[in-house]
Amino acid sequence: MKLTSLVPAAQARVRGASHIELGKGGLWTRRLRGGPLVLSCTAGAVWVTREGAPDDVVLEAGASYGGEGRGLLVVEALEPAQIAVADGAERTARAALERARAALEKARASWLVLLSLAALYLVWGSTYLAVSVALETLPPFLLAGVRFTTAGALLYGVLRLRGAPRPTLRQWGAAARVGVLLLAAGNGLVVVAQQWVSSGVAAVVVSTMPLWLALFTTVRAARGGALGARGTPEVSRGEWVGLLVGFAGAALLHLGGALHAEHAGALLIVLAPVAWALGSLYSRTTPLPEGPMAVAAEMLAGGAVMLGISAVAGERLAAAPSSRSLLALAYLVVFGSIVGLSAYTYLLRNTRPAIATSYAYVNPIIAIALGVLLGGERASAAIWVAAAVIGAGVLIVSKARH
């Protein structure tokens, strides 16, 4: 192919750095100087010839041509066409940059997961000691009610400012039912019982929640409930082993005397993980608000119920709350409720459920250690063994289900 002239600039209009539009018969040329070059036809059809190459090439839309070496490269449009040209070095650098960005994003996500896990382990593990300190001068249901209504109001306000829609009346009703099970019963009973049991024992008992959840899920599936209708698999042998191991740890805690207290109210804590498991199961099928708004609505509703219980029960402040109790309450609001739940939500969205729920067998160890080091509590060998056995049971169930 012999070149006689180039088309006028109006016939070969450059779009951006590497996209060229050609009218029919329009030409585009480049002198190759040894580096690689990739030419793609994105529309129409073009004729490609390179000085020194034995054969010419016709490219239609979607086809590409790779050339390297030296000589003149000429492209002629057989019809109105568009081509894209990229130097191989540029593409290599761009690919390297994309790989670097992906690596940085992966590293960032890994750090966020690690930070969220650390927050969940330390914060939720420390809330039991914080509750014990707050209970020094605050009655239990008043404490829990103020904690969750305040945290719920703060989270609700932030979400509304960010454009989240208000929950519907139906969603408020669903959030109230879940909030009663999770917070008023699940958390409220823990706070009541911690008037007579140590923070470490409370954390160990609450750590049986995943075992109750696995058991209730299995029973509901066997009866053909909503979860069973979705194809929930039957309980596996590994899950049964985990359940038996976990509940054996709970029995050891009772037989070791950790749940023997002067007041019968201490035994209420046994019902707390049962209520939390039922609330978690129910929340899977009820029409809750989308995203974090569900957490805000549940805290507002559950906190309001606990404030009502406090009023009916006649809870009164014997004196002005101590600064220790108020600081503990503030910690529970900001870290225990908002930070902890935010970290838990992030882990649920970005990791496997087994990782997100791993707090269940880490929190008891944190709670016992903090109670001994900072709260002046004592932890018998039976408590440590029970915590280890329950943790092993939860771990077995998590591995079997995931």
Protein backbone atom coordinates (compact mmCIF):
# COMPACT_ATOMS: atom_id res chain seq x y z
CA MET A 1 0.00 0.00 0.00
CA LYS A 2 1.54 3.29 -1.09
CA LEU A 3 0.88 6.43 0.91
CA THR A 4 0.33 9.58 -1.11
CA SER A 5 -1.19 12.02 1.40
CA LEU A 6 -2.84 12.33 4.80
CA VAL A 7 -6.44 13.39 5.25
CA PRO A 8 -7.15 16.89 6.56
CA ALA A 9 -7.40 17.37 10.32
CA ALA A 10 -11.19 17.67 10.07
CA GLN A 11 -11.39 14.10 8.83
CA ALA A 12 -9.27 12.63 11.63
CA ARG A 13 -10.54 14.11 14.92
CA VAL A 14 -8.74 13.02 18.10
CA ARG A 15 -11.04 12.38 21.07
CA GLY A 16 -9.10 12.42 24.32
CA ALA A 17 -5.60 10.99 24.43
CA SER A 18 -6.06 7.73 22.55
CA HIS A 19 -9.44 7.63 20.78
CA ILE A 20 -9.49 8.65 17.11
CA GLU A 21 -12.50 9.05 14.82
CA LEU A 22 -11.95 8.61 11.07
CA GLY A 23 -14.26 9.43 8.19
CA LYS A 24 -14.48 6.97 5.32
CA GLY A 25 -11.10 6.91 3.58
CA GLY A 26 -9.46 8.78 6.46
CA LEU A 27 -5.91 7.86 7.43
CA TRP A 28 -4.02 7.71 10.70
CA THR A 29 -0.31 7.01 10.96
CA ARG A 30 2.31 6.46 13.62
CA ARG A 31 6.05 5.87 13.40
CA LEU A 32 6.91 2.85 15.56
CA ARG A 33 10.23 3.10 17.34
CA GLY A 34 10.56 -0.37 18.82
CA GLY A 35 8.00 -0.22 21.63
CA PRO A 36 4.76 -2.28 21.71
CA LEU A 37 1.47 -0.74 20.61
CA VAL A 38 -2.10 -2.04 20.73
CA LEU A 39 -4.67 -0.71 18.26
CA SER A 40 -8.37 -1.53 18.66
CA CYS A 41 -11.24 -0.87 16.27
CA THR A 42 -14.20 0.24 18.40
CA ALA A 43 -16.57 1.11 15.55
CA GLY A 44 -16.73 0.58 11.78
CA ALA A 45 -13.87 -1.16 9.95
CA VAL A 46 -10.26 -0.20 9.15
CA TRP A 47 -7.38 -1.44 7.01
CA VAL A 48 -4.04 -1.71 8.86
CA THR A 49 -0.63 -1.97 7.23
CA ARG A 50 2.82 -1.74 8.79
CA GLU A 51 6.09 -1.05 7.03
CA GLY A 52 8.06 -4.28 6.82
CA ALA A 53 5.09 -6.53 7.72
CA PRO A 54 4.33 -9.29 5.18
CA ASP A 55 0.53 -8.97 5.41
CA ASP A 56 -2.05 -6.25 5.89
CA VAL A 57 -4.93 -6.63 8.36
CA VAL A 58 -8.61 -5.65 8.25
CA LEU A 59 -10.11 -4.89 11.69
CA GLU A 60 -13.83 -4.76 12.34
CA ALA A 61 -15.51 -3.37 15.46
CA GLY A 62 -14.29 -5.23 18.53
CA ALA A 63 -11.04 -6.51 16.96
CA SER A 64 -7.51 -5.48 17.98
CA TYR A 65 -4.05 -5.39 16.42
CA GLY A 66 -0.77 -5.59 18.34
CA GLY A 67 2.32 -4.20 16.71
CA GLU A 68 5.88 -3.65 17.78
CA GLY A 69 9.25 -3.09 16.18
CA ARG A 70 10.12 -0.19 13.89
CA GLY A 71 8.50 1.30 10.80
CA LEU A 72 5.46 3.28 9.73
CA LEU A 73 2.02 2.06 10.82
CA VAL A 74 -0.88 3.23 8.61
CA VAL A 75 -4.61 2.86 9.30
CA GLU A 76 -7.25 3.59 6.65
CA ALA A 77 -10.97 3.74 7.43
CA LEU A 78 -13.01 1.52 5.07
CA GLU A 79 -16.13 3.22 6.44
CA PRO A 80 -16.70 5.78 9.21
CA ALA A 81 -14.74 4.25 12.09
CA GLN A 82 -13.27 4.80 15.52
CA ILE A 83 -10.00 3.39 16.82
CA ALA A 84 -8.35 3.35 20.24
CA VAL A 85 -4.57 3.35 20.54
CA ALA A 86 -2.56 2.48 23.66
CA ASP A 87 1.16 2.06 24.07
CA GLY A 88 2.07 -1.26 25.63
CA ALA A 89 4.17 0.48 28.26
CA GLU A 90 1.22 2.69 29.16
CA ARG A 91 -1.07 -0.31 29.48
CA THR A 92 1.50 -2.14 31.60
CA ALA A 93 1.88 0.86 33.89
CA ARG A 94 -1.89 1.24 34.12
CA ALA A 95 -2.30 -2.44 34.97
CA ALA A 96 0.42 -2.17 37.62
CA LEU A 97 -1.35 0.86 39.10
CA GLU A 98 -4.65 -1.00 39.20
CA ARG A 99 -2.97 -3.96 40.92
CA ALA A 100 -1.41 -1.60 43.45
CA ARG A 101 -4.78 0.02 44.12
CA ALA A 102 -6.43 -3.37 44.54
CA ALA A 103 -3.70 -4.44 46.95
CA LEU A 104 -4.13 -1.24 48.98
CA GLU A 105 -7.91 -1.69 49.08
CA LYS A 106 -7.50 -5.30 50.19
CA ALA A 107 -5.03 -4.25 52.88
CA ARG A 108 -7.42 -1.48 54.00
CA ALA A 109 -10.31 -3.94 54.19
CA SER A 110 -8.14 -6.37 56.18
CA TRP A 111 -7.23 -3.64 58.65
CA LEU A 112 -10.89 -2.63 59.00
CA VAL A 113 -11.82 -6.24 59.72
CA LEU A 114 -9.05 -6.52 62.32
CA LEU A 115 -10.02 -3.21 63.93
CA SER A 116 -13.70 -4.22 63.98
CA LEU A 117 -12.87 -7.57 65.57
CA ALA A 118 -10.66 -5.89 68.16
CA ALA A 119 -13.42 -3.40 68.94
CA LEU A 120 -16.01 -6.15 69.23
CA TYR A 121 -13.85 -8.36 71.43
CA LEU A 122 -12.65 -5.61 73.75
CA VAL A 123 -15.74 -3.39 73.81
CA TRP A 124 -18.42 -6.03 74.18
CA GLY A 125 -16.17 -7.99 76.51
CA SER A 126 -15.80 -4.91 78.70
CA THR A 127 -19.49 -3.96 78.82
CA TYR A 128 -20.13 -6.51 81.60
CA LEU A 129 -17.70 -4.71 83.91
CA ALA A 130 -19.16 -1.36 82.84
CA VAL A 131 -22.64 -2.59 83.77
CA SER A 132 -21.37 -3.68 87.19
CA VAL A 133 -19.91 -0.21 87.79
CA ALA A 134 -23.07 1.56 86.56
CA LEU A 135 -25.23 -0.59 88.84
CA GLU A 136 -23.45 0.81 91.89
CA THR A 137 -25.83 3.81 91.94
CA LEU A 138 -28.29 3.18 89.09
CA PRO A 139 -31.23 0.72 89.16
CA PRO A 140 -31.06 -1.97 86.44
CA PHE A 141 -33.98 -1.20 84.11
CA LEU A 142 -33.46 2.55 84.37
CA LEU A 143 -29.80 2.02 83.48
CA ALA A 144 -30.59 -0.18 80.47
CA GLY A 145 -33.48 2.03 79.33
CA VAL A 146 -31.44 5.23 79.37
CA ARG A 147 -28.55 3.45 77.65
CA PHE A 148 -30.52 2.21 74.67
CA THR A 149 -32.89 5.14 74.19
CA THR A 150 -29.92 7.52 74.17
CA ALA A 151 -27.86 5.37 71.80
CA GLY A 152 -30.89 4.78 69.58
CA ALA A 153 -31.73 8.49 69.41
CA LEU A 154 -28.14 9.41 68.50
CA LEU A 155 -27.93 6.76 65.78
CA TYR A 156 -31.41 7.61 64.46
CA GLY A 157 -30.51 11.30 64.23
CA VAL A 158 -27.27 10.61 62.34
CA LEU A 159 -29.02 8.29 59.89
CA ARG A 160 -31.81 10.78 59.22
CA LEU A 161 -29.25 13.53 58.57
CA ARG A 162 -27.60 11.20 56.04
CA GLY A 163 -30.90 10.75 54.22
CA ALA A 164 -32.14 7.42 55.59
CA PRO A 165 -35.96 7.14 55.37
CA ARG A 166 -38.16 7.05 58.45
CA PRO A 167 -39.38 3.57 59.43
CA THR A 168 -43.00 2.85 58.54
CA LEU A 169 -45.57 2.07 61.23
CA ARG A 170 -45.29 -1.62 60.36
CA GLN A 171 -41.50 -1.47 60.65
CA TRP A 172 -41.73 0.29 64.01
CA GLY A 173 -43.97 -2.55 65.23
CA ALA A 174 -41.50 -5.18 64.04
CA ALA A 175 -38.58 -3.29 65.60
CA ALA A 176 -40.48 -3.06 68.90
CA ARG A 177 -41.05 -6.84 69.00
CA VAL A 178 -37.42 -7.59 68.20
CA GLY A 179 -36.22 -4.90 70.61
CA VAL A 180 -38.25 -6.40 73.45
CA LEU A 181 -36.70 -9.85 72.90
CA LEU A 182 -33.13 -8.69 72.25
CA LEU A 183 -32.83 -5.73 74.59
CA ALA A 184 -35.61 -5.66 77.19
CA ALA A 185 -35.38 -9.41 77.84
CA GLY A 186 -31.97 -10.41 76.44
CA ASN A 187 -29.96 -7.49 77.81
CA GLY A 188 -32.33 -6.40 80.57
CA LEU A 189 -32.19 -9.75 82.36
CA VAL A 190 -28.40 -9.66 82.25
CA VAL A 191 -28.37 -6.23 83.90
CA VAL A 192 -30.85 -7.37 86.58
CA ALA A 193 -28.87 -10.55 87.33
CA GLN A 194 -25.57 -8.68 87.52
CA GLN A 195 -26.74 -7.23 90.82
CA TRP A 196 -25.85 -10.65 92.25
CA VAL A 197 -23.45 -12.37 89.84
CA SER A 198 -20.02 -11.25 88.65
CA SER A 199 -19.41 -9.76 85.22
CA GLY A 200 -17.33 -12.79 84.23
CA VAL A 201 -20.07 -15.26 85.07
CA ALA A 202 -22.60 -13.11 83.20
CA ALA A 203 -20.45 -13.14 80.08
CA VAL A 204 -19.96 -16.91 80.26
CA VAL A 205 -23.72 -17.55 80.51
CA VAL A 206 -24.52 -15.12 77.68
CA SER A 207 -21.95 -16.87 75.46
CA THR A 208 -24.34 -19.83 75.18
CA MET A 209 -26.57 -17.71 72.88
CA PRO A 210 -25.25 -19.22 69.59
CA LEU A 211 -26.05 -22.67 70.98
CA TRP A 212 -29.66 -21.71 71.69
CA LEU A 213 -29.92 -20.08 68.29
CA ALA A 214 -28.69 -23.24 66.56
CA LEU A 215 -31.13 -25.34 68.57
CA PHE A 216 -34.15 -23.09 67.86
CA THR A 217 -33.25 -22.90 64.16
CA THR A 218 -33.14 -26.69 63.98
CA VAL A 219 -36.48 -27.09 65.76
CA ARG A 220 -38.14 -24.48 63.53
CA ALA A 221 -36.78 -26.12 60.39
CA ALA A 222 -38.00 -29.54 61.56
CA ARG A 223 -41.50 -28.12 62.02
CA GLY A 224 -41.49 -26.64 58.52
CA GLY A 225 -41.31 -23.03 59.64
CA ALA A 226 -40.20 -20.13 57.50
CA LEU A 227 -36.56 -21.07 57.79
CA GLY A 228 -37.26 -24.69 57.02
CA ALA A 229 -39.27 -23.72 53.95
CA ARG A 230 -36.19 -22.01 52.61
CA GLY A 231 -34.28 -25.23 52.66
CA THR A 232 -32.47 -24.97 55.98
CA PRO A 233 -30.43 -28.19 56.26
CA GLU A 234 -31.01 -30.64 59.08
CA VAL A 235 -28.73 -30.37 62.07
CA SER A 236 -25.45 -32.13 61.40
CA ARG A 237 -23.55 -34.46 63.68
CA GLY A 238 -20.96 -31.74 64.26
CA GLU A 239 -23.66 -29.31 65.37
CA TRP A 240 -25.07 -31.81 67.85
CA VAL A 241 -21.58 -32.37 69.25
CA GLY A 242 -21.10 -28.62 69.62
CA LEU A 243 -24.47 -28.18 71.31
CA LEU A 244 -23.76 -30.96 73.80
CA VAL A 245 -20.29 -29.62 74.57
CA GLY A 246 -21.56 -26.07 75.02
CA PHE A 247 -24.44 -26.99 77.29
CA ALA A 248 -22.11 -29.25 79.29
CA GLY A 249 -20.02 -26.15 79.97
CA ALA A 250 -23.14 -24.30 81.14
CA ALA A 251 -23.98 -27.20 83.46
CA LEU A 252 -20.43 -27.11 84.83
CA LEU A 253 -20.87 -23.42 85.58
CA HIS A 254 -23.97 -24.20 87.62
CA LEU A 255 -22.55 -27.25 89.38
CA GLY A 256 -19.38 -25.34 90.22
CA GLY A 257 -21.43 -22.93 92.28
CA ALA A 258 -20.97 -19.83 90.12
CA LEU A 259 -24.74 -19.41 89.73
CA HIS A 260 -25.52 -20.11 93.37
CA ALA A 261 -26.43 -16.77 94.88
CA GLU A 262 -28.35 -15.42 97.84
CA HIS A 263 -31.00 -13.92 95.59
CA ALA A 264 -33.10 -16.03 93.20
CA GLY A 265 -32.95 -13.19 90.67
CA ALA A 266 -29.46 -14.30 89.75
CA LEU A 267 -30.96 -17.23 87.85
CA LEU A 268 -32.75 -14.81 85.50
CA ILE A 269 -29.51 -14.54 83.58
CA VAL A 270 -30.05 -18.09 82.30
CA LEU A 271 -33.07 -16.79 80.34
CA ALA A 272 -31.16 -13.89 78.77
CA PRO A 273 -29.37 -15.85 76.00
CA VAL A 274 -32.62 -17.71 75.28
CA ALA A 275 -34.46 -14.42 74.69
CA TRP A 276 -31.58 -13.05 72.57
CA ALA A 277 -31.59 -16.19 70.42
CA LEU A 278 -35.37 -16.01 69.91
CA GLY A 279 -35.09 -12.33 68.98
CA SER A 280 -32.30 -13.06 66.51
CA LEU A 281 -34.34 -15.84 64.92
CA TYR A 282 -37.47 -13.71 64.71
CA SER A 283 -35.57 -10.78 63.19
CA ARG A 284 -34.75 -12.87 60.10
CA THR A 285 -38.35 -12.92 58.89
CA THR A 286 -39.91 -9.76 60.33
CA PRO A 287 -40.18 -6.56 58.19
CA LEU A 288 -37.51 -4.44 59.89
CA PRO A 289 -36.19 -1.13 58.48
CA GLU A 290 -33.26 -1.31 56.07
CA GLY A 291 -29.64 -1.29 57.27
CA PRO A 292 -28.53 0.43 60.50
CA MET A 293 -31.96 2.06 60.87
CA ALA A 294 -33.18 -1.33 62.13
CA VAL A 295 -30.67 -1.17 64.98
CA ALA A 296 -31.67 2.41 65.82
CA ALA A 297 -35.38 1.54 65.86
CA GLU A 298 -34.80 -1.57 67.97
CA MET A 299 -32.78 0.39 70.53
CA LEU A 300 -35.39 3.14 70.72
CA ALA A 301 -38.26 0.68 71.10
CA GLY A 302 -36.46 -1.69 73.47
CA GLY A 303 -35.15 1.20 75.56
CA ALA A 304 -38.61 2.74 75.83
CA VAL A 305 -40.02 -0.59 77.05
CA MET A 306 -37.30 -0.85 79.69
CA LEU A 307 -38.01 2.68 80.89
CA GLY A 308 -41.67 1.67 81.19
CA ILE A 309 -40.72 -1.41 83.21
CA SER A 310 -38.55 0.77 85.42
CA ALA A 311 -41.49 3.08 86.12
CA VAL A 312 -43.92 0.21 86.81
CA ALA A 313 -41.38 -1.52 89.07
CA GLY A 314 -41.02 1.68 91.05
CA GLU A 315 -37.29 2.05 90.53
CA ARG A 316 -35.98 5.14 92.24
CA LEU A 317 -32.60 6.78 92.63
CA ALA A 318 -31.59 6.54 96.28
CA ALA A 319 -29.13 9.35 95.69
CA ALA A 320 -27.51 11.24 92.86
CA PRO A 321 -25.63 8.79 90.57
CA SER A 322 -21.89 8.68 91.18
CA SER A 323 -19.45 9.93 88.60
CA ARG A 324 -18.24 6.32 88.17
CA SER A 325 -21.73 5.15 87.28
CA LEU A 326 -22.34 8.03 84.88
CA LEU A 327 -19.00 7.44 83.13
CA ALA A 328 -19.86 3.74 82.84
CA LEU A 329 -23.26 4.65 81.38
CA ALA A 330 -21.65 6.98 78.84
CA TYR A 331 -19.23 4.19 77.89
CA LEU A 332 -22.13 1.79 77.38
CA VAL A 333 -23.98 4.31 75.20
CA VAL A 334 -21.10 5.32 72.94
CA PHE A 335 -18.90 2.23 72.82
CA GLY A 336 -21.09 -0.66 73.96
CA SER A 337 -24.07 0.28 71.78
CA ILE A 338 -22.99 2.52 68.85
CA VAL A 339 -19.37 1.46 68.25
CA GLY A 340 -19.95 -2.20 69.09
CA LEU A 341 -23.04 -2.56 66.94
CA SER A 342 -21.40 -0.67 64.05
CA ALA A 343 -18.39 -3.01 64.16
CA TYR A 344 -20.70 -6.03 64.32
CA THR A 345 -22.72 -4.78 61.33
CA TYR A 346 -19.54 -4.20 59.28
CA LEU A 347 -18.29 -7.71 60.06
CA LEU A 348 -21.63 -9.27 59.11
CA ARG A 349 -21.48 -7.51 55.72
CA ASN A 350 -17.83 -8.14 54.93
CA THR A 351 -16.84 -11.44 56.54
CA ARG A 352 -18.19 -14.92 57.04
CA PRO A 353 -20.79 -15.29 59.82
CA ALA A 354 -18.40 -17.54 61.77
CA ILE A 355 -15.95 -14.63 62.03
CA ALA A 356 -18.59 -12.03 62.89
CA THR A 357 -20.02 -14.17 65.72
CA SER A 358 -16.63 -15.22 67.09
CA TYR A 359 -17.14 -12.66 69.88
CA ALA A 360 -19.28 -15.29 71.62
CA TYR A 361 -16.24 -17.29 72.71
CA VAL A 362 -13.85 -14.36 73.14
CA ASN A 363 -15.98 -11.99 75.24
CA PRO A 364 -16.13 -14.29 78.30
CA ILE A 365 -12.34 -14.43 78.53
CA ILE A 366 -12.12 -10.61 78.23
CA ALA A 367 -14.92 -10.12 80.77
CA ILE A 368 -13.42 -12.51 83.33
CA ALA A 369 -9.95 -10.98 82.98
CA LEU A 370 -11.22 -7.40 83.30
CA GLY A 371 -13.40 -8.34 86.26
CA VAL A 372 -10.41 -9.82 88.07
CA LEU A 373 -7.92 -7.08 87.14
CA LEU A 374 -10.12 -3.98 87.41
CA GLY A 375 -13.29 -4.98 89.22
CA GLY A 376 -11.86 -6.84 92.20
CA GLU A 377 -13.81 -9.98 91.26
CA ARG A 378 -12.69 -13.56 91.76
CA ALA A 379 -12.77 -16.23 89.10
CA SER A 380 -12.65 -19.83 90.27
CA ALA A 381 -11.16 -22.65 88.24
CA ALA A 382 -14.70 -23.85 87.48
CA ILE A 383 -15.54 -20.53 85.80
CA TRP A 384 -12.44 -20.64 83.59
CA VAL A 385 -13.08 -24.26 82.64
CA ALA A 386 -16.75 -23.59 81.93
CA ALA A 387 -15.80 -20.63 79.72
CA ALA A 388 -13.34 -22.78 77.78
CA VAL A 389 -15.86 -25.63 77.34
CA ILE A 390 -18.68 -23.32 76.22
CA GLY A 391 -16.30 -21.55 73.84
CA ALA A 392 -15.29 -24.88 72.36
CA GLY A 393 -18.95 -25.81 71.86
CA VAL A 394 -19.73 -22.52 70.11
CA LEU A 395 -16.65 -22.94 67.90
CA ILE A 396 -17.69 -26.48 66.92
CA VAL A 397 -21.20 -25.29 66.02
CA SER A 398 -19.82 -22.36 64.00
CA LYS A 399 -17.47 -24.61 62.04
CA ALA A 400 -20.22 -27.17 61.41
CA ARG A 401 -22.69 -24.53 60.14
CA HIS A 402 -20.19 -22.68 57.93
